[in-house]
Amino acid sequence: MIIGVVKKLKIIEIKGAADFIMLKISLLAFDLLSNLGEKLSNKLKSEEKNNDGQKAYEEIVVVSKLINTLKLAILTDQ
């Protein structure tokens, strides 16, 4: 009986550690994507803004906002 409880606790502990690691990896990925979005938007700002450049800039801004929203949702869910 006690061995079964200890095994269950170890499984829960391992699962919790795995969830924590996955959360950290997810946040790191969101940070990398967010930084990439910022760099691309800064590059587009500095270049000549034609219609295609303006559209790409607007899409990057939307994606960056979405990434930040998802990151916030993950942080508040934990």
Protein backbone atom coordinates (compact mmCIF):
# COMPACT_ATOMS: atom_id res chain seq x y z
CA MET A 1 0.00 0.00 0.00
CA ILE A 2 2.71 2.49 0.99
CA ILE A 3 4.83 1.51 -2.02
CA GLY A 4 1.88 2.22 -4.34
CA VAL A 5 1.40 5.67 -2.81
CA VAL A 6 5.11 6.45 -3.14
CA LYS A 7 5.07 5.33 -6.79
CA LYS A 8 2.02 7.53 -7.49
CA LEU A 9 3.73 10.51 -5.83
CA LYS A 10 6.87 9.95 -7.91
CA ILE A 11 4.80 9.77 -11.11
CA ILE A 12 3.00 13.01 -10.16
CA GLU A 13 6.35 14.61 -9.33
CA ILE A 14 7.86 13.55 -12.68
CA LYS A 15 4.77 14.73 -14.56
CA GLY A 16 4.88 18.08 -12.76
CA ALA A 17 8.56 18.51 -13.58
CA ALA A 18 7.89 17.64 -17.23
CA ASP A 19 5.03 20.14 -17.39
CA PHE A 20 7.29 22.81 -15.87
CA ILE A 21 10.04 22.08 -18.41
CA MET A 22 7.56 22.22 -21.28
CA LEU A 23 6.25 25.55 -19.97
CA LYS A 24 9.80 26.93 -19.87
CA ILE A 25 10.47 25.69 -23.42
CA SER A 26 7.20 27.22 -24.62
CA LEU A 27 8.02 30.57 -23.03
CA LEU A 28 11.50 30.50 -24.52
CA ALA A 29 10.03 29.79 -27.97
CA PHE A 30 7.56 32.66 -27.57
CA ASP A 31 10.40 34.98 -26.51
CA LEU A 32 12.46 33.99 -29.54
CA LEU A 33 9.53 34.51 -31.89
CA SER A 34 8.70 37.81 -30.26
CA ASN A 35 12.29 39.01 -30.62
CA LEU A 36 12.33 37.92 -34.25
CA GLY A 37 9.10 39.81 -34.87
CA GLU A 38 10.55 42.94 -33.28
CA LYS A 39 13.74 42.71 -35.34
CA LEU A 40 11.79 42.23 -38.55
CA SER A 41 9.47 45.11 -37.79
CA ASN A 42 12.42 47.38 -37.00
CA LYS A 43 14.08 46.37 -40.27
CA LEU A 44 10.91 47.11 -42.20
CA LYS A 45 10.55 50.48 -40.47
CA SER A 46 14.03 51.48 -41.57
CA GLU A 47 13.52 50.38 -45.18
CA GLU A 48 11.48 52.21 -47.75
CA LYS A 49 7.81 51.55 -47.08
CA ASN A 50 6.07 50.59 -50.27
CA ASN A 51 2.70 48.84 -50.31
CA ASP A 52 4.22 45.36 -49.89
CA GLY A 53 6.53 46.52 -47.12
CA GLN A 54 3.69 48.21 -45.27
CA LYS A 55 1.50 45.10 -45.52
CA ALA A 56 4.31 42.86 -44.26
CA TYR A 57 4.98 45.27 -41.39
CA GLU A 58 1.31 45.22 -40.38
CA GLU A 59 1.25 41.40 -40.48
CA ILE A 60 4.35 41.20 -38.29
CA VAL A 61 2.81 43.58 -35.76
CA VAL A 62 -0.33 41.41 -35.61
CA VAL A 63 1.72 38.22 -35.17
CA SER A 64 3.85 39.85 -32.46
CA LYS A 65 0.74 40.89 -30.55
CA LEU A 66 -0.68 37.37 -30.89
CA ILE A 67 2.55 35.84 -29.57
CA ASN A 68 2.55 38.18 -26.58
CA THR A 69 -1.12 37.38 -25.89
CA LEU A 70 -0.40 33.64 -25.99
CA LYS A 71 2.59 34.09 -23.69
CA LEU A 72 0.44 36.02 -21.22
CA ALA A 73 -2.25 33.34 -21.40
CA ILE A 74 0.28 30.62 -20.59
CA LEU A 75 1.71 32.59 -17.68
CA THR A 76 -1.68 33.34 -16.16
CA ASP A 77 -2.87 29.75 -16.65
CA GLN A 78 -0.11 28.42 -14.42
